[in-house]
N, C-alpha and C. Protein backbone atom coordinates (compact mmCIF):
# COMPACT_ATOMS: atom_id res chain seq x y z
N UNK A 1 74.06 60.33 -16.29
CA UNK A 1 74.48 59.58 -15.11
C UNK A 1 73.81 58.20 -15.07
N UNK A 2 72.56 58.20 -15.44
CA UNK A 2 71.79 56.96 -15.44
C UNK A 2 72.40 55.94 -16.39
N UNK A 3 72.79 56.39 -17.60
CA UNK A 3 73.37 55.49 -18.58
C UNK A 3 74.78 55.07 -18.18
N UNK A 4 75.51 55.95 -17.48
CA UNK A 4 76.84 55.60 -17.01
C UNK A 4 76.76 54.47 -15.98
N UNK A 5 75.83 54.58 -15.06
CA UNK A 5 75.65 53.51 -14.07
C UNK A 5 75.27 52.20 -14.74
N UNK A 6 74.45 52.31 -15.79
CA UNK A 6 74.06 51.10 -16.52
C UNK A 6 75.26 50.46 -17.20
N UNK A 7 76.14 51.29 -17.75
CA UNK A 7 77.34 50.76 -18.40
C UNK A 7 78.22 50.03 -17.39
N UNK A 8 78.34 50.61 -16.18
CA UNK A 8 79.13 49.96 -15.13
C UNK A 8 78.53 48.61 -14.77
N UNK A 9 77.20 48.60 -14.69
CA UNK A 9 76.53 47.35 -14.32
C UNK A 9 76.68 46.30 -15.42
N UNK A 10 76.71 46.73 -16.67
CA UNK A 10 76.88 45.78 -17.77
C UNK A 10 78.25 45.12 -17.69
N UNK A 11 79.29 45.90 -17.32
CA UNK A 11 80.62 45.33 -17.14
C UNK A 11 80.59 44.29 -16.03
N UNK A 12 79.89 44.62 -14.93
CA UNK A 12 79.75 43.67 -13.84
C UNK A 12 79.02 42.42 -14.31
N UNK A 13 78.04 42.63 -15.16
CA UNK A 13 77.26 41.52 -15.69
C UNK A 13 78.14 40.56 -16.48
N UNK A 14 79.04 41.09 -17.29
CA UNK A 14 79.93 40.23 -18.07
C UNK A 14 80.81 39.38 -17.15
N UNK A 15 81.30 39.99 -16.07
CA UNK A 15 82.10 39.23 -15.12
C UNK A 15 81.27 38.17 -14.41
N UNK A 16 80.04 38.55 -14.10
CA UNK A 16 79.14 37.60 -13.42
C UNK A 16 78.84 36.40 -14.30
N UNK A 17 78.65 36.64 -15.59
CA UNK A 17 78.33 35.55 -16.51
C UNK A 17 79.41 34.49 -16.50
N UNK A 18 80.66 34.93 -16.37
CA UNK A 18 81.77 33.98 -16.35
C UNK A 18 81.73 33.12 -15.08
N UNK A 19 81.23 33.71 -13.99
CA UNK A 19 81.17 32.99 -12.73
C UNK A 19 79.89 32.19 -12.56
N UNK A 20 78.88 32.55 -13.29
CA UNK A 20 77.52 32.05 -13.05
C UNK A 20 77.40 30.53 -13.11
N UNK A 21 78.09 29.93 -14.08
CA UNK A 21 77.93 28.48 -14.26
C UNK A 21 78.57 27.68 -13.12
N UNK A 22 79.46 28.32 -12.36
CA UNK A 22 80.16 27.59 -11.31
C UNK A 22 79.70 27.96 -9.91
N UNK A 23 79.05 29.12 -9.74
CA UNK A 23 78.73 29.61 -8.40
C UNK A 23 77.27 29.95 -8.25
N UNK A 24 76.39 29.21 -8.90
CA UNK A 24 74.97 29.45 -8.73
C UNK A 24 74.56 29.13 -7.30
N UNK A 25 73.90 30.07 -6.58
CA UNK A 25 73.53 29.81 -5.19
C UNK A 25 72.53 28.68 -5.08
N UNK A 26 72.57 27.99 -3.96
CA UNK A 26 71.64 26.89 -3.73
C UNK A 26 70.25 27.43 -3.46
N UNK A 27 69.25 26.91 -4.14
CA UNK A 27 67.88 27.37 -4.00
C UNK A 27 67.06 26.26 -3.35
N UNK A 28 66.22 26.58 -2.37
CA UNK A 28 65.40 25.53 -1.75
C UNK A 28 64.59 24.75 -2.77
N UNK A 29 64.34 23.46 -2.47
CA UNK A 29 63.67 22.58 -3.42
C UNK A 29 62.26 23.03 -3.78
N UNK A 30 61.58 23.76 -2.87
CA UNK A 30 60.20 24.10 -3.15
C UNK A 30 60.06 25.31 -4.06
N UNK A 31 61.17 25.89 -4.50
CA UNK A 31 61.11 26.96 -5.47
C UNK A 31 61.26 26.35 -6.86
N UNK A 32 60.18 26.22 -7.58
CA UNK A 32 60.26 25.64 -8.91
C UNK A 32 59.28 26.37 -9.81
N UNK A 33 59.11 25.88 -11.03
CA UNK A 33 58.30 26.58 -11.99
C UNK A 33 56.81 26.54 -11.67
N UNK A 34 56.42 25.83 -10.62
CA UNK A 34 55.02 25.82 -10.21
C UNK A 34 54.64 27.14 -9.53
N UNK A 35 55.58 27.74 -8.82
CA UNK A 35 55.25 28.90 -8.02
C UNK A 35 56.21 30.07 -8.27
N UNK A 36 57.45 29.94 -7.83
CA UNK A 36 58.44 30.97 -8.10
C UNK A 36 59.70 30.31 -8.62
N UNK A 37 60.59 31.10 -9.17
CA UNK A 37 61.84 30.56 -9.69
C UNK A 37 62.97 31.49 -9.27
N UNK A 38 64.18 30.98 -9.23
CA UNK A 38 65.33 31.80 -8.89
C UNK A 38 65.59 32.80 -10.02
N UNK A 39 66.08 33.96 -9.64
CA UNK A 39 66.44 34.98 -10.63
C UNK A 39 67.51 34.41 -11.56
N UNK A 40 67.50 34.83 -12.82
CA UNK A 40 68.53 34.39 -13.74
C UNK A 40 69.12 35.59 -14.47
N UNK A 41 70.10 35.32 -15.31
CA UNK A 41 70.84 36.39 -15.98
C UNK A 41 69.94 37.23 -16.89
N UNK A 42 68.87 36.63 -17.39
CA UNK A 42 67.97 37.36 -18.28
C UNK A 42 67.13 38.37 -17.51
N UNK A 43 66.85 38.11 -16.24
CA UNK A 43 66.14 39.09 -15.42
C UNK A 43 67.01 40.33 -15.21
N UNK A 44 68.30 40.11 -15.02
CA UNK A 44 69.22 41.24 -14.88
C UNK A 44 69.22 42.07 -16.16
N UNK A 45 69.27 41.41 -17.29
CA UNK A 45 69.25 42.12 -18.57
C UNK A 45 67.95 42.90 -18.74
N UNK A 46 66.84 42.34 -18.28
CA UNK A 46 65.57 43.05 -18.38
C UNK A 46 65.62 44.37 -17.60
N UNK A 47 66.20 44.34 -16.40
CA UNK A 47 66.30 45.55 -15.59
C UNK A 47 67.19 46.58 -16.28
N UNK A 48 68.33 46.12 -16.82
CA UNK A 48 69.23 47.05 -17.50
C UNK A 48 68.55 47.69 -18.71
N UNK A 49 67.81 46.90 -19.47
CA UNK A 49 67.09 47.46 -20.61
C UNK A 49 66.02 48.43 -20.18
N UNK A 50 65.39 48.15 -19.04
CA UNK A 50 64.36 49.07 -18.53
C UNK A 50 64.97 50.40 -18.13
N UNK A 51 66.15 50.36 -17.52
CA UNK A 51 66.80 51.59 -17.06
C UNK A 51 67.16 52.51 -18.22
N UNK A 52 67.63 51.92 -19.31
CA UNK A 52 67.99 52.75 -20.48
C UNK A 52 66.86 52.81 -21.51
N UNK A 53 65.65 52.44 -21.04
CA UNK A 53 64.41 52.61 -21.80
C UNK A 53 64.42 51.85 -23.12
N UNK A 54 64.83 50.57 -23.06
CA UNK A 54 64.81 49.72 -24.24
C UNK A 54 63.70 48.68 -24.18
N UNK A 55 62.95 48.65 -23.07
CA UNK A 55 61.84 47.71 -22.97
C UNK A 55 60.59 48.34 -23.58
N UNK A 56 59.69 47.52 -24.17
CA UNK A 56 58.47 48.06 -24.79
C UNK A 56 57.63 48.86 -23.82
N UNK A 57 57.62 48.47 -22.55
CA UNK A 57 56.89 49.18 -21.51
C UNK A 57 57.64 49.00 -20.20
N UNK A 58 57.45 49.89 -19.23
CA UNK A 58 58.19 49.78 -17.97
C UNK A 58 57.93 48.45 -17.27
N UNK A 59 58.97 47.94 -16.62
CA UNK A 59 58.82 46.70 -15.86
C UNK A 59 57.94 46.95 -14.64
N UNK A 60 57.13 45.96 -14.23
CA UNK A 60 56.28 46.15 -13.05
C UNK A 60 57.12 46.31 -11.78
N UNK A 61 56.89 47.41 -11.09
CA UNK A 61 57.67 47.72 -9.89
C UNK A 61 57.49 46.66 -8.82
N UNK A 62 56.27 46.12 -8.69
CA UNK A 62 56.01 45.16 -7.61
C UNK A 62 56.82 43.87 -7.77
N UNK A 63 57.37 43.63 -8.96
CA UNK A 63 58.16 42.42 -9.20
C UNK A 63 59.65 42.72 -9.18
N UNK A 64 60.07 43.80 -9.84
CA UNK A 64 61.49 44.05 -10.06
C UNK A 64 62.12 45.01 -9.05
N UNK A 65 61.34 45.55 -8.14
CA UNK A 65 61.89 46.44 -7.12
C UNK A 65 62.44 45.61 -5.97
N UNK A 66 63.63 45.09 -6.13
CA UNK A 66 64.22 44.18 -5.15
C UNK A 66 64.53 44.92 -3.85
N UNK A 67 64.91 46.20 -3.94
CA UNK A 67 65.27 46.98 -2.76
C UNK A 67 64.07 47.58 -2.04
N UNK A 68 62.88 47.40 -2.61
CA UNK A 68 61.64 47.91 -2.00
C UNK A 68 61.68 49.41 -1.72
N UNK A 69 62.16 50.18 -2.71
CA UNK A 69 62.17 51.63 -2.54
C UNK A 69 61.22 52.34 -3.52
N UNK A 70 60.38 51.54 -4.19
CA UNK A 70 59.34 52.14 -5.02
C UNK A 70 59.71 52.39 -6.47
N UNK A 71 60.91 51.96 -6.89
CA UNK A 71 61.31 52.18 -8.27
C UNK A 71 62.26 51.07 -8.72
N UNK A 72 62.33 50.85 -10.03
CA UNK A 72 63.28 49.89 -10.59
C UNK A 72 64.53 50.65 -10.98
N UNK A 73 65.67 50.27 -10.41
CA UNK A 73 66.90 51.03 -10.61
C UNK A 73 68.10 50.09 -10.69
N UNK A 74 69.25 50.70 -10.85
CA UNK A 74 70.47 49.94 -11.04
C UNK A 74 70.78 49.04 -9.84
N UNK A 75 70.39 49.49 -8.64
CA UNK A 75 70.71 48.70 -7.45
C UNK A 75 69.88 47.41 -7.38
N UNK A 76 68.74 47.41 -8.04
CA UNK A 76 67.97 46.17 -8.12
C UNK A 76 68.72 45.14 -8.96
N UNK A 77 69.33 45.61 -10.06
CA UNK A 77 70.13 44.71 -10.89
C UNK A 77 71.34 44.19 -10.12
N UNK A 78 71.93 45.06 -9.31
CA UNK A 78 73.10 44.64 -8.52
C UNK A 78 72.72 43.58 -7.48
N UNK A 79 71.53 43.70 -6.90
CA UNK A 79 71.07 42.68 -5.95
C UNK A 79 70.90 41.34 -6.66
N UNK A 80 70.40 41.38 -7.89
CA UNK A 80 70.26 40.15 -8.67
C UNK A 80 71.63 39.54 -8.95
N UNK A 81 72.59 40.39 -9.29
CA UNK A 81 73.94 39.89 -9.56
C UNK A 81 74.55 39.25 -8.32
N UNK A 82 74.33 39.87 -7.16
CA UNK A 82 74.84 39.32 -5.91
C UNK A 82 74.25 37.93 -5.65
N UNK A 83 72.98 37.78 -6.00
CA UNK A 83 72.34 36.47 -5.84
C UNK A 83 72.99 35.43 -6.75
N UNK A 84 73.30 35.83 -7.97
CA UNK A 84 73.85 34.89 -8.94
C UNK A 84 75.23 34.38 -8.55
N UNK A 85 76.00 35.23 -7.84
CA UNK A 85 77.35 34.82 -7.46
C UNK A 85 77.42 34.36 -6.01
N UNK A 86 76.26 34.16 -5.37
CA UNK A 86 76.24 33.65 -4.01
C UNK A 86 76.64 34.63 -2.94
N UNK A 87 76.47 35.93 -3.19
CA UNK A 87 76.84 36.95 -2.22
C UNK A 87 75.62 37.53 -1.50
N UNK A 88 74.47 36.89 -1.67
CA UNK A 88 73.25 37.39 -1.04
C UNK A 88 72.67 36.27 -0.17
N UNK A 89 72.31 36.60 1.06
CA UNK A 89 71.83 35.59 1.99
C UNK A 89 70.51 34.97 1.53
N UNK A 90 69.60 35.79 1.03
CA UNK A 90 68.31 35.31 0.57
C UNK A 90 68.27 35.27 -0.95
N UNK A 91 67.73 34.19 -1.54
CA UNK A 91 67.63 34.16 -3.01
C UNK A 91 66.63 35.19 -3.51
N UNK A 92 66.90 35.75 -4.67
CA UNK A 92 65.95 36.64 -5.32
C UNK A 92 64.99 35.77 -6.13
N UNK A 93 63.71 35.89 -5.87
CA UNK A 93 62.73 35.05 -6.53
C UNK A 93 61.88 35.87 -7.48
N UNK A 94 61.59 35.29 -8.62
CA UNK A 94 60.77 35.95 -9.62
C UNK A 94 59.53 35.10 -9.85
N UNK A 95 58.41 35.72 -10.20
CA UNK A 95 57.21 34.91 -10.47
C UNK A 95 57.40 34.07 -11.72
N UNK A 96 56.95 32.85 -11.66
CA UNK A 96 57.03 31.98 -12.82
C UNK A 96 55.81 32.18 -13.70
N UNK A 97 55.92 31.72 -14.94
CA UNK A 97 54.76 31.71 -15.81
C UNK A 97 53.76 30.72 -15.25
N UNK A 98 52.56 31.18 -14.98
CA UNK A 98 51.55 30.29 -14.41
C UNK A 98 51.19 29.22 -15.42
N UNK A 99 51.17 27.98 -14.98
CA UNK A 99 50.84 26.88 -15.88
C UNK A 99 49.41 26.42 -15.61
N UNK A 100 48.46 26.87 -16.41
CA UNK A 100 47.08 26.43 -16.20
C UNK A 100 46.90 25.01 -16.72
N UNK A 101 45.79 24.42 -16.40
CA UNK A 101 45.46 23.14 -17.01
C UNK A 101 45.35 23.36 -18.52
N UNK A 102 45.70 22.35 -19.27
CA UNK A 102 45.73 22.49 -20.72
C UNK A 102 44.33 22.71 -21.28
N UNK A 103 44.19 23.81 -22.01
CA UNK A 103 42.91 24.11 -22.67
C UNK A 103 43.11 24.35 -24.16
N UNK A 104 44.26 23.91 -24.67
CA UNK A 104 44.58 24.22 -26.06
C UNK A 104 43.84 23.34 -27.05
N UNK A 105 43.25 22.24 -26.56
CA UNK A 105 42.50 21.38 -27.46
C UNK A 105 43.36 20.65 -28.47
N UNK A 106 44.63 20.43 -28.15
CA UNK A 106 45.53 19.74 -29.07
C UNK A 106 45.07 18.30 -29.29
N UNK A 107 45.04 17.91 -30.54
CA UNK A 107 44.60 16.54 -30.86
C UNK A 107 45.64 15.54 -30.37
N UNK A 108 45.16 14.50 -29.71
CA UNK A 108 46.07 13.50 -29.16
C UNK A 108 46.55 12.53 -30.24
N UNK A 109 47.75 12.02 -30.03
CA UNK A 109 48.28 10.95 -30.87
C UNK A 109 48.09 9.64 -30.11
N UNK A 110 47.30 8.74 -30.65
CA UNK A 110 46.95 7.50 -29.94
C UNK A 110 47.84 6.36 -30.42
N UNK A 111 48.43 5.65 -29.46
CA UNK A 111 49.26 4.48 -29.80
C UNK A 111 48.35 3.40 -30.39
N UNK A 112 48.76 2.88 -31.53
CA UNK A 112 47.96 1.88 -32.21
C UNK A 112 48.68 0.57 -32.42
N UNK A 113 49.65 0.29 -31.55
CA UNK A 113 50.44 -0.92 -31.70
C UNK A 113 49.77 -2.15 -31.10
N UNK A 114 50.55 -3.21 -30.98
CA UNK A 114 50.06 -4.49 -30.48
C UNK A 114 50.94 -4.98 -29.34
N UNK A 115 50.37 -5.80 -28.48
CA UNK A 115 51.11 -6.39 -27.38
C UNK A 115 52.25 -7.26 -27.89
N UNK A 116 52.19 -7.68 -29.14
CA UNK A 116 53.23 -8.51 -29.73
C UNK A 116 54.40 -7.69 -30.27
N UNK A 117 54.26 -6.38 -30.28
CA UNK A 117 55.35 -5.53 -30.74
C UNK A 117 56.56 -5.68 -29.81
N UNK A 118 57.73 -5.30 -30.32
CA UNK A 118 58.98 -5.45 -29.58
C UNK A 118 59.24 -4.19 -28.76
N UNK A 119 58.73 -4.14 -27.53
CA UNK A 119 58.94 -2.97 -26.69
C UNK A 119 59.24 -3.39 -25.25
N UNK A 120 59.75 -2.43 -24.48
CA UNK A 120 60.13 -2.68 -23.10
C UNK A 120 58.88 -2.88 -22.24
N UNK A 121 59.02 -3.73 -21.24
CA UNK A 121 57.89 -3.98 -20.35
C UNK A 121 57.96 -3.22 -19.04
N UNK A 122 58.98 -2.33 -18.91
CA UNK A 122 59.17 -1.65 -17.63
C UNK A 122 59.14 -0.13 -17.74
N UNK A 123 58.67 0.41 -18.85
CA UNK A 123 58.63 1.87 -18.98
C UNK A 123 57.62 2.30 -20.04
N UNK A 124 57.14 3.53 -19.88
CA UNK A 124 56.17 4.11 -20.81
C UNK A 124 56.70 5.46 -21.29
N UNK A 125 56.65 5.70 -22.59
CA UNK A 125 57.07 6.98 -23.15
C UNK A 125 55.88 7.93 -23.17
N UNK A 126 56.15 9.20 -22.83
CA UNK A 126 55.10 10.20 -22.75
C UNK A 126 55.56 11.47 -23.46
N UNK A 127 54.67 12.06 -24.27
CA UNK A 127 54.91 13.37 -24.87
C UNK A 127 53.87 14.33 -24.31
N UNK A 128 54.33 15.44 -23.74
CA UNK A 128 53.41 16.44 -23.21
C UNK A 128 52.81 17.26 -24.34
N UNK A 129 51.62 17.81 -24.12
CA UNK A 129 51.02 18.66 -25.14
C UNK A 129 51.89 19.89 -25.35
N UNK A 130 51.76 20.49 -26.51
CA UNK A 130 52.64 21.59 -26.90
C UNK A 130 52.54 22.78 -25.95
N UNK A 131 51.31 23.18 -25.59
CA UNK A 131 51.16 24.39 -24.77
C UNK A 131 51.79 24.25 -23.40
N UNK A 132 51.83 23.04 -22.87
CA UNK A 132 52.51 22.80 -21.60
C UNK A 132 54.02 22.69 -21.81
N UNK A 133 54.42 22.09 -22.91
CA UNK A 133 55.85 21.86 -23.19
C UNK A 133 56.65 23.15 -23.25
N UNK A 134 56.05 24.22 -23.78
CA UNK A 134 56.80 25.46 -23.94
C UNK A 134 56.61 26.41 -22.76
N UNK A 135 55.75 26.04 -21.80
CA UNK A 135 55.52 26.93 -20.67
C UNK A 135 56.08 26.38 -19.36
N UNK A 136 56.18 25.09 -19.25
CA UNK A 136 56.64 24.47 -18.01
C UNK A 136 57.93 23.71 -18.28
N UNK A 137 59.05 24.30 -17.92
CA UNK A 137 60.34 23.71 -18.28
C UNK A 137 61.03 23.01 -17.11
N UNK A 138 60.31 22.80 -16.02
CA UNK A 138 60.92 22.15 -14.87
C UNK A 138 61.12 20.65 -15.13
N UNK A 139 61.85 20.01 -14.27
CA UNK A 139 61.99 18.56 -14.33
C UNK A 139 60.77 17.93 -13.67
N UNK A 140 59.98 17.22 -14.44
CA UNK A 140 58.79 16.59 -13.90
C UNK A 140 59.17 15.44 -12.98
N UNK A 141 58.32 15.19 -11.98
CA UNK A 141 58.62 14.18 -10.97
C UNK A 141 57.42 13.26 -10.79
N UNK A 142 57.58 12.30 -9.89
CA UNK A 142 56.49 11.37 -9.61
C UNK A 142 55.26 12.08 -9.07
N UNK A 143 55.44 13.25 -8.46
CA UNK A 143 54.30 14.01 -7.95
C UNK A 143 53.31 14.39 -9.05
N UNK A 144 53.83 14.52 -10.28
CA UNK A 144 52.97 14.91 -11.40
C UNK A 144 52.17 13.72 -11.94
N UNK A 145 52.51 12.52 -11.50
CA UNK A 145 51.84 11.32 -11.99
C UNK A 145 51.39 10.44 -10.82
N UNK A 146 50.73 11.08 -9.85
CA UNK A 146 50.35 10.38 -8.62
C UNK A 146 49.40 9.21 -8.88
N UNK A 147 48.62 9.29 -9.94
CA UNK A 147 47.63 8.24 -10.18
C UNK A 147 48.17 7.03 -10.91
N UNK A 148 49.44 7.04 -11.24
CA UNK A 148 50.03 5.93 -12.00
C UNK A 148 50.63 4.91 -11.05
N UNK A 149 49.99 3.77 -10.93
CA UNK A 149 50.43 2.74 -10.00
C UNK A 149 51.73 2.08 -10.49
N UNK A 150 52.68 1.96 -9.58
CA UNK A 150 53.93 1.29 -9.90
C UNK A 150 54.99 2.18 -10.53
N UNK A 151 54.72 3.48 -10.67
CA UNK A 151 55.73 4.39 -11.23
C UNK A 151 56.82 4.62 -10.19
N UNK A 152 58.09 4.45 -10.59
CA UNK A 152 59.19 4.60 -9.64
C UNK A 152 60.15 5.72 -10.02
N UNK A 153 60.10 6.18 -11.26
CA UNK A 153 61.03 7.24 -11.69
C UNK A 153 60.52 7.91 -12.95
N UNK A 154 60.71 9.23 -13.02
CA UNK A 154 60.41 9.98 -14.24
C UNK A 154 61.73 10.39 -14.86
N UNK A 155 61.98 9.95 -16.07
CA UNK A 155 63.22 10.28 -16.79
C UNK A 155 62.90 11.35 -17.83
N UNK A 156 63.56 12.49 -17.72
CA UNK A 156 63.36 13.58 -18.68
C UNK A 156 64.24 13.33 -19.91
N UNK A 157 63.61 13.10 -21.04
CA UNK A 157 64.34 12.79 -22.27
C UNK A 157 64.58 14.01 -23.15
N UNK A 158 63.76 15.04 -22.98
CA UNK A 158 64.00 16.28 -23.73
C UNK A 158 63.59 17.46 -22.87
N UNK A 159 64.40 18.51 -22.93
CA UNK A 159 64.17 19.70 -22.12
C UNK A 159 64.79 20.90 -22.81
N UNK A 160 64.09 22.02 -22.82
CA UNK A 160 64.66 23.25 -23.37
C UNK A 160 65.77 23.74 -22.44
N UNK A 161 66.77 24.37 -23.02
CA UNK A 161 67.76 25.04 -22.17
C UNK A 161 67.09 26.25 -21.53
N UNK A 162 67.68 26.77 -20.45
CA UNK A 162 67.10 27.94 -19.79
C UNK A 162 67.00 29.11 -20.77
N UNK A 163 68.00 29.26 -21.64
CA UNK A 163 67.99 30.36 -22.61
C UNK A 163 66.87 30.17 -23.62
N UNK A 164 66.72 28.96 -24.14
CA UNK A 164 65.65 28.68 -25.11
C UNK A 164 64.28 28.93 -24.50
N UNK A 165 64.10 28.48 -23.25
CA UNK A 165 62.81 28.67 -22.58
C UNK A 165 62.50 30.14 -22.38
N UNK A 166 63.51 30.89 -21.94
CA UNK A 166 63.32 32.33 -21.71
C UNK A 166 62.98 33.04 -23.02
N UNK A 167 63.66 32.71 -24.10
CA UNK A 167 63.40 33.36 -25.39
C UNK A 167 61.98 33.08 -25.88
N UNK A 168 61.50 31.88 -25.64
CA UNK A 168 60.13 31.54 -26.04
C UNK A 168 59.13 32.34 -25.22
N UNK A 169 59.39 32.49 -23.90
CA UNK A 169 58.48 33.28 -23.06
C UNK A 169 58.46 34.74 -23.49
N UNK A 170 59.56 35.22 -24.04
CA UNK A 170 59.63 36.61 -24.50
C UNK A 170 59.08 36.79 -25.91
N UNK A 171 58.57 35.70 -26.50
CA UNK A 171 58.04 35.79 -27.86
C UNK A 171 59.12 35.82 -28.92
N UNK A 172 60.32 35.30 -28.58
CA UNK A 172 61.46 35.33 -29.51
C UNK A 172 61.96 33.92 -29.80
N UNK A 173 61.02 32.96 -29.82
CA UNK A 173 61.39 31.58 -30.05
C UNK A 173 62.05 31.34 -31.40
N UNK A 174 61.73 32.17 -32.39
CA UNK A 174 62.32 32.00 -33.72
C UNK A 174 63.82 32.27 -33.72
N UNK A 175 64.34 32.90 -32.67
CA UNK A 175 65.77 33.18 -32.59
C UNK A 175 66.55 31.98 -32.04
N UNK A 176 65.86 30.94 -31.64
CA UNK A 176 66.53 29.73 -31.16
C UNK A 176 66.58 28.70 -32.29
N UNK A 177 67.25 27.59 -32.03
CA UNK A 177 67.34 26.51 -33.01
C UNK A 177 66.25 25.47 -32.80
N UNK A 178 65.34 25.75 -31.87
CA UNK A 178 64.27 24.82 -31.55
C UNK A 178 63.06 25.08 -32.45
N UNK A 179 62.49 24.02 -32.99
CA UNK A 179 61.22 24.16 -33.73
C UNK A 179 60.11 24.29 -32.70
N UNK A 180 60.07 25.43 -32.02
CA UNK A 180 59.27 25.59 -30.81
C UNK A 180 57.77 25.56 -31.08
N UNK A 181 57.35 25.86 -32.30
CA UNK A 181 55.92 25.87 -32.61
C UNK A 181 55.34 24.45 -32.72
N UNK A 182 56.23 23.45 -32.79
CA UNK A 182 55.78 22.06 -32.84
C UNK A 182 56.47 21.22 -31.78
N UNK A 183 56.92 21.87 -30.72
CA UNK A 183 57.73 21.20 -29.70
C UNK A 183 56.87 20.48 -28.68
N UNK A 184 57.20 19.22 -28.43
CA UNK A 184 56.57 18.44 -27.37
C UNK A 184 57.66 17.82 -26.50
N UNK A 185 57.61 18.07 -25.21
CA UNK A 185 58.59 17.47 -24.30
C UNK A 185 58.37 15.97 -24.18
N UNK A 186 59.45 15.22 -24.09
CA UNK A 186 59.38 13.77 -24.01
C UNK A 186 59.88 13.31 -22.64
N UNK A 187 59.09 12.48 -21.99
CA UNK A 187 59.46 11.88 -20.72
C UNK A 187 59.34 10.36 -20.82
N UNK A 188 59.95 9.68 -19.87
CA UNK A 188 59.77 8.24 -19.76
C UNK A 188 59.43 7.93 -18.31
N UNK A 189 58.39 7.13 -18.12
CA UNK A 189 57.98 6.72 -16.78
C UNK A 189 58.47 5.29 -16.55
N UNK A 190 59.39 5.12 -15.60
CA UNK A 190 59.91 3.78 -15.31
C UNK A 190 59.01 3.10 -14.29
N UNK A 191 58.70 1.84 -14.52
CA UNK A 191 57.76 1.10 -13.69
C UNK A 191 58.48 0.08 -12.81
N UNK A 192 57.76 -0.39 -11.80
CA UNK A 192 58.40 -1.28 -10.81
C UNK A 192 58.38 -2.75 -11.21
N UNK A 193 57.82 -3.10 -12.36
CA UNK A 193 57.85 -4.49 -12.81
C UNK A 193 57.90 -4.56 -14.32
N UNK A 194 58.36 -5.67 -14.82
CA UNK A 194 58.50 -5.87 -16.26
C UNK A 194 57.29 -6.65 -16.76
N UNK A 195 56.33 -5.93 -17.32
CA UNK A 195 55.09 -6.57 -17.77
C UNK A 195 54.51 -5.76 -18.93
N UNK A 196 54.51 -6.31 -20.12
CA UNK A 196 54.04 -5.58 -21.30
C UNK A 196 52.55 -5.25 -21.20
N UNK A 197 51.76 -6.15 -20.61
CA UNK A 197 50.33 -5.87 -20.45
C UNK A 197 50.12 -4.65 -19.55
N UNK A 198 50.96 -4.52 -18.52
CA UNK A 198 50.87 -3.38 -17.62
C UNK A 198 51.23 -2.08 -18.33
N UNK A 199 52.22 -2.15 -19.22
CA UNK A 199 52.62 -0.98 -20.00
C UNK A 199 51.44 -0.48 -20.85
N UNK A 200 50.77 -1.39 -21.52
CA UNK A 200 49.63 -1.02 -22.35
C UNK A 200 48.52 -0.41 -21.49
N UNK A 201 48.27 -1.00 -20.34
CA UNK A 201 47.23 -0.49 -19.44
C UNK A 201 47.54 0.93 -18.99
N UNK A 202 48.79 1.18 -18.60
CA UNK A 202 49.17 2.50 -18.11
C UNK A 202 49.17 3.52 -19.24
N UNK A 203 49.59 3.11 -20.43
CA UNK A 203 49.55 4.01 -21.58
C UNK A 203 48.12 4.47 -21.86
N UNK A 204 47.17 3.55 -21.79
CA UNK A 204 45.77 3.91 -22.00
C UNK A 204 45.27 4.84 -20.90
N UNK A 205 45.76 4.63 -19.70
CA UNK A 205 45.38 5.52 -18.59
C UNK A 205 45.93 6.93 -18.81
N UNK A 206 47.19 7.01 -19.23
CA UNK A 206 47.82 8.31 -19.45
C UNK A 206 47.17 9.09 -20.59
N UNK A 207 46.63 8.39 -21.55
CA UNK A 207 45.96 9.07 -22.66
C UNK A 207 44.80 9.93 -22.19
N UNK A 208 44.26 9.66 -21.02
CA UNK A 208 43.13 10.41 -20.49
C UNK A 208 43.55 11.72 -19.83
N UNK A 209 44.84 11.87 -19.55
CA UNK A 209 45.32 13.09 -18.90
C UNK A 209 45.31 14.22 -19.93
N UNK A 210 44.80 15.38 -19.54
CA UNK A 210 44.67 16.46 -20.52
C UNK A 210 46.01 17.06 -20.94
N UNK A 211 47.07 16.86 -20.14
CA UNK A 211 48.38 17.43 -20.50
C UNK A 211 49.24 16.44 -21.28
N UNK A 212 48.70 15.28 -21.60
CA UNK A 212 49.45 14.26 -22.35
C UNK A 212 49.03 14.27 -23.82
N UNK A 213 50.02 14.45 -24.70
CA UNK A 213 49.76 14.39 -26.14
C UNK A 213 49.81 12.95 -26.64
N UNK A 214 50.76 12.20 -26.10
CA UNK A 214 50.95 10.80 -26.53
C UNK A 214 51.49 9.98 -25.37
N UNK A 215 51.04 8.74 -25.27
CA UNK A 215 51.60 7.79 -24.31
C UNK A 215 51.65 6.42 -24.99
N UNK A 216 52.79 5.76 -24.86
CA UNK A 216 52.92 4.47 -25.51
C UNK A 216 54.19 3.76 -25.05
N UNK A 217 54.41 2.56 -25.48
CA UNK A 217 55.60 1.78 -25.07
C UNK A 217 56.90 2.41 -25.58
N UNK A 218 57.98 2.01 -24.96
CA UNK A 218 59.32 2.37 -25.42
C UNK A 218 59.82 1.21 -26.28
N UNK A 219 59.88 1.44 -27.58
CA UNK A 219 60.22 0.36 -28.50
C UNK A 219 61.71 0.03 -28.45
N UNK A 220 62.01 -1.24 -28.65
CA UNK A 220 63.38 -1.72 -28.73
C UNK A 220 63.69 -1.95 -30.21
N UNK A 221 64.61 -1.18 -30.72
CA UNK A 221 64.93 -1.27 -32.15
C UNK A 221 65.99 -2.34 -32.38
N UNK A 222 65.63 -3.29 -33.18
CA UNK A 222 66.56 -4.36 -33.51
C UNK A 222 67.48 -3.91 -34.64
N UNK A 223 68.74 -4.31 -34.61
CA UNK A 223 69.67 -3.96 -35.69
C UNK A 223 69.21 -4.60 -37.00
N UNK A 224 69.47 -3.88 -38.08
CA UNK A 224 69.09 -4.40 -39.41
C UNK A 224 69.91 -5.64 -39.74
């Protein structure tokens, strides 16, 4: 009976997947990878695998017991599905991977160019350290760079897909097309004035941040 219910839920899951990209429920802005995240299709799969005993160990009840009845069951997966298609009043929230301060000791790449180089005067390129890049997949904002004077916008230049990020968290990064063991997220910080000296100053400041692997100008490539 247990496996039959799981099979029924899997059929529902296939239908949900078709709807998911168009009917994702609206999640409040303060739910992000810093604290909690909205449930996703992979959480539903985790519950289904747990029910038919395909997970290495049982899922923690305190996290996956959506119905609060003391056990992880098919109805918890159904509540997740309802959330995905916008049929649940309250979003289902899952704990995010905690992002500690970087302690990986990754060697920094230091910009060694000159003020005479051909680069933009209104933005700074930033590469995050590897250990942060693969654990924190949210869109970074100005809040993450409060000490940078004149920053007006953070432009995300590279980001893992939700599927790639989830696979890496599950220890299955090799199943993606991402060279995840050497992956560094790339951002650009747009500044409020066009001044090359200011760009160099801010790049040197960013080099002191422990979560920054590299900071330097955005070069303008001239045609050959």
